[in-house]
N, C-alpha and C. Protein backbone atom coordinates (compact mmCIF):
# COMPACT_ATOMS: atom_id res chain seq x y z
N MET A 1 44.15 81.99 53.44
CA MET A 1 44.44 83.39 53.69
C MET A 1 43.10 84.15 53.64
N PRO A 2 42.73 84.84 54.70
CA PRO A 2 41.41 85.45 54.77
C PRO A 2 41.20 86.64 53.84
N ASN A 3 42.20 87.48 53.64
CA ASN A 3 42.03 88.68 52.83
C ASN A 3 43.11 88.79 51.76
N PRO A 4 42.96 88.08 50.64
CA PRO A 4 43.98 88.21 49.59
C PRO A 4 43.96 89.61 49.00
N LEU A 5 45.09 90.01 48.48
CA LEU A 5 45.25 91.33 47.90
C LEU A 5 44.59 91.38 46.53
N THR A 6 43.67 92.30 46.33
CA THR A 6 43.06 92.52 45.02
C THR A 6 43.32 93.97 44.62
N ILE A 7 43.78 94.16 43.39
CA ILE A 7 44.18 95.49 42.91
C ILE A 7 43.64 95.72 41.50
N GLN A 8 43.77 96.95 41.04
CA GLN A 8 43.57 97.29 39.63
C GLN A 8 44.97 97.49 39.06
N LEU A 9 45.35 96.66 38.11
CA LEU A 9 46.68 96.72 37.51
C LEU A 9 46.53 97.14 36.06
N ASN A 10 47.02 98.32 35.74
CA ASN A 10 46.90 98.87 34.39
C ASN A 10 45.46 98.75 33.88
N GLY A 11 44.51 99.06 34.77
CA GLY A 11 43.11 99.08 34.40
C GLY A 11 42.39 97.74 34.48
N GLN A 12 43.09 96.68 34.84
CA GLN A 12 42.50 95.35 34.91
C GLN A 12 42.46 94.86 36.36
N HIS A 13 41.33 94.27 36.75
CA HIS A 13 41.21 93.70 38.08
C HIS A 13 42.16 92.51 38.20
N ARG A 14 42.86 92.45 39.33
CA ARG A 14 43.83 91.36 39.54
C ARG A 14 43.79 90.93 40.99
N ALA A 15 43.64 89.65 41.25
CA ALA A 15 43.69 89.10 42.61
C ALA A 15 45.02 88.39 42.80
N LEU A 16 45.72 88.77 43.84
CA LEU A 16 47.00 88.14 44.16
C LEU A 16 46.78 87.27 45.40
N GLU A 17 46.32 86.06 45.16
CA GLU A 17 45.90 85.15 46.23
C GLU A 17 47.02 84.84 47.22
N ALA A 18 48.27 84.88 46.78
CA ALA A 18 49.39 84.53 47.65
C ALA A 18 49.78 85.65 48.61
N LEU A 19 49.22 86.85 48.41
CA LEU A 19 49.59 87.99 49.25
C LEU A 19 48.42 88.48 50.08
N PRO A 20 48.70 88.87 51.33
CA PRO A 20 47.64 89.47 52.15
C PRO A 20 47.52 90.96 51.84
N SER A 21 46.44 91.56 52.29
CA SER A 21 46.29 93.01 52.21
C SER A 21 46.43 93.56 53.62
N PRO A 22 47.36 94.47 53.83
CA PRO A 22 48.29 95.08 52.89
C PRO A 22 49.56 94.24 52.71
N SER A 23 50.29 94.55 51.62
CA SER A 23 51.57 93.92 51.33
C SER A 23 52.53 94.99 50.82
N PRO A 24 53.83 94.83 51.08
CA PRO A 24 54.80 95.78 50.55
C PRO A 24 54.81 95.74 49.01
N LEU A 25 54.99 96.90 48.42
CA LEU A 25 55.04 96.99 46.97
C LEU A 25 56.11 96.08 46.40
N SER A 26 57.23 95.93 47.07
CA SER A 26 58.30 95.05 46.58
C SER A 26 57.80 93.62 46.43
N LEU A 27 56.96 93.14 47.35
CA LEU A 27 56.41 91.78 47.24
C LEU A 27 55.38 91.69 46.12
N VAL A 28 54.62 92.75 45.91
CA VAL A 28 53.66 92.77 44.81
C VAL A 28 54.39 92.65 43.48
N ILE A 29 55.47 93.40 43.32
CA ILE A 29 56.28 93.34 42.09
C ILE A 29 56.81 91.92 41.90
N SER A 30 57.30 91.30 42.96
CA SER A 30 57.80 89.92 42.87
C SER A 30 56.68 88.96 42.50
N ALA A 31 55.51 89.10 43.13
CA ALA A 31 54.39 88.21 42.85
C ALA A 31 53.92 88.33 41.40
N LEU A 32 54.09 89.51 40.82
CA LEU A 32 53.72 89.73 39.42
C LEU A 32 54.80 89.25 38.47
N GLU A 33 55.92 88.76 39.03
CA GLU A 33 57.06 88.25 38.26
C GLU A 33 57.61 89.28 37.29
N LEU A 34 57.75 90.52 37.79
CA LEU A 34 58.30 91.61 36.99
C LEU A 34 59.76 91.85 37.37
N LYS A 35 60.55 92.28 36.40
CA LYS A 35 61.95 92.62 36.65
C LYS A 35 61.98 94.05 37.18
N SER A 36 62.33 94.18 38.43
CA SER A 36 62.22 95.48 39.10
C SER A 36 63.12 96.56 38.52
N ASP A 37 64.18 96.17 37.84
CA ASP A 37 65.08 97.17 37.27
C ASP A 37 64.60 97.70 35.92
N ARG A 38 63.47 97.19 35.43
CA ARG A 38 62.98 97.59 34.10
C ARG A 38 61.57 98.16 34.13
N ILE A 39 61.11 98.59 35.32
CA ILE A 39 59.75 99.10 35.40
C ILE A 39 59.70 100.40 36.20
N ALA A 40 58.63 101.14 35.99
CA ALA A 40 58.29 102.30 36.81
C ALA A 40 56.88 102.04 37.33
N VAL A 41 56.63 102.46 38.58
CA VAL A 41 55.37 102.14 39.24
C VAL A 41 54.68 103.41 39.72
N GLU A 42 53.38 103.48 39.40
CA GLU A 42 52.53 104.53 39.93
C GLU A 42 51.47 103.84 40.80
N LEU A 43 51.32 104.31 42.02
CA LEU A 43 50.36 103.74 42.97
C LEU A 43 49.37 104.83 43.35
N ASN A 44 48.11 104.62 43.01
CA ASN A 44 47.04 105.57 43.32
C ASN A 44 47.40 106.99 42.87
N GLY A 45 47.99 107.10 41.68
CA GLY A 45 48.28 108.40 41.08
C GLY A 45 49.62 109.00 41.44
N ALA A 46 50.40 108.34 42.30
CA ALA A 46 51.72 108.86 42.69
C ALA A 46 52.81 107.92 42.22
N ILE A 47 53.85 108.48 41.62
CA ILE A 47 55.00 107.67 41.20
C ILE A 47 55.78 107.29 42.46
N ILE A 48 56.10 106.01 42.57
CA ILE A 48 56.79 105.49 43.74
C ILE A 48 58.24 105.18 43.38
N SER A 49 59.16 105.84 44.06
CA SER A 49 60.58 105.59 43.76
C SER A 49 60.98 104.20 44.23
N ARG A 50 61.86 103.60 43.49
CA ARG A 50 62.29 102.21 43.74
C ARG A 50 62.81 102.04 45.17
N GLY A 51 63.46 103.04 45.70
CA GLY A 51 64.02 102.95 47.04
C GLY A 51 63.00 102.85 48.15
N THR A 52 61.74 103.14 47.86
CA THR A 52 60.70 103.09 48.89
C THR A 52 59.73 101.92 48.70
N TRP A 53 59.97 101.05 47.75
CA TRP A 53 59.06 99.93 47.46
C TRP A 53 58.87 99.02 48.67
N LEU A 54 59.91 98.79 49.43
CA LEU A 54 59.81 97.90 50.59
C LEU A 54 58.92 98.50 51.67
N ASP A 55 58.93 99.82 51.80
CA ASP A 55 58.16 100.50 52.85
C ASP A 55 56.78 100.97 52.38
N THR A 56 56.47 100.81 51.10
CA THR A 56 55.19 101.26 50.57
C THR A 56 54.20 100.11 50.60
N GLU A 57 53.10 100.30 51.32
CA GLU A 57 52.09 99.26 51.43
C GLU A 57 51.05 99.39 50.32
N VAL A 58 50.69 98.25 49.76
CA VAL A 58 49.63 98.16 48.76
C VAL A 58 48.46 97.47 49.44
N THR A 59 47.30 98.12 49.41
CA THR A 59 46.11 97.55 50.04
C THR A 59 45.08 97.18 48.99
N THR A 60 44.13 96.35 49.37
CA THR A 60 43.06 95.96 48.46
C THR A 60 42.37 97.21 47.93
N GLY A 61 42.12 97.20 46.62
CA GLY A 61 41.49 98.33 45.96
C GLY A 61 42.47 99.33 45.37
N ALA A 62 43.76 99.13 45.61
CA ALA A 62 44.78 100.04 45.09
C ALA A 62 44.79 100.02 43.57
N HIS A 63 45.17 101.15 42.98
CA HIS A 63 45.31 101.27 41.53
C HIS A 63 46.80 101.38 41.21
N LEU A 64 47.31 100.38 40.51
CA LEU A 64 48.71 100.36 40.09
C LEU A 64 48.80 100.53 38.59
N GLU A 65 49.69 101.39 38.17
CA GLU A 65 50.05 101.50 36.75
C GLU A 65 51.53 101.17 36.69
N ILE A 66 51.87 100.19 35.87
CA ILE A 66 53.26 99.75 35.74
C ILE A 66 53.65 99.82 34.28
N VAL A 67 54.76 100.49 34.01
CA VAL A 67 55.27 100.56 32.64
C VAL A 67 56.63 99.88 32.60
N HIS A 68 56.89 99.23 31.49
CA HIS A 68 58.15 98.52 31.25
C HIS A 68 59.03 99.37 30.36
N PHE A 69 60.30 99.40 30.67
CA PHE A 69 61.28 100.04 29.80
C PHE A 69 61.78 98.99 28.82
N VAL A 70 61.82 99.34 27.57
CA VAL A 70 62.24 98.41 26.53
C VAL A 70 63.43 99.03 25.80
N GLY A 71 64.50 98.25 25.68
CA GLY A 71 65.68 98.72 24.98
C GLY A 71 65.54 98.52 23.49
N GLY A 72 66.47 99.09 22.80
CA GLY A 72 66.47 98.93 21.34
C GLY A 72 66.11 100.22 20.64
N GLY A 73 65.78 100.10 19.41
CA GLY A 73 65.43 101.27 18.62
C GLY A 73 65.64 100.97 17.16
N LEU A 74 65.56 101.99 16.39
CA LEU A 74 65.75 101.85 14.95
C LEU A 74 67.22 101.83 14.61
N GLN A 75 67.56 101.03 13.63
CA GLN A 75 68.94 101.06 13.14
C GLN A 75 69.08 102.33 12.30
N GLN A 76 70.24 102.90 12.36
CA GLN A 76 70.49 104.14 11.62
C GLN A 76 70.48 103.83 10.12
N ALA A 77 69.67 104.55 9.41
CA ALA A 77 69.59 104.35 7.96
C ALA A 77 70.70 105.13 7.29
N ASN A 78 71.21 104.59 6.22
CA ASN A 78 72.23 105.28 5.43
C ASN A 78 71.51 106.27 4.52
N LEU A 79 71.59 107.53 4.89
CA LEU A 79 70.86 108.55 4.15
C LEU A 79 71.75 109.31 3.17
N SER A 80 73.03 108.93 3.10
CA SER A 80 73.91 109.64 2.18
C SER A 80 73.56 109.29 0.73
N ARG A 81 73.62 110.29 -0.10
CA ARG A 81 73.36 110.06 -1.53
C ARG A 81 74.68 109.94 -2.26
N ARG A 82 74.72 109.03 -3.15
CA ARG A 82 75.97 108.81 -3.88
C ARG A 82 75.90 109.43 -5.24
């Protein structure tokens, strides 16, 4: 592949050898092995809605910020005084 996709992912340089530049954001998410229903994506400073991932092209040099949603939380403490 003559031009593999290279990006900045959460501040780290990343080469995606299996993908050409440009590639749809949906394929980039798949290549990164991320669960698409648990992340939010910012591409070059703009938040990209999930419905447009297939039509959004990622080119070499792009800056991606990806955050994961994590479930859970603190168990409720028993604060009643006896």
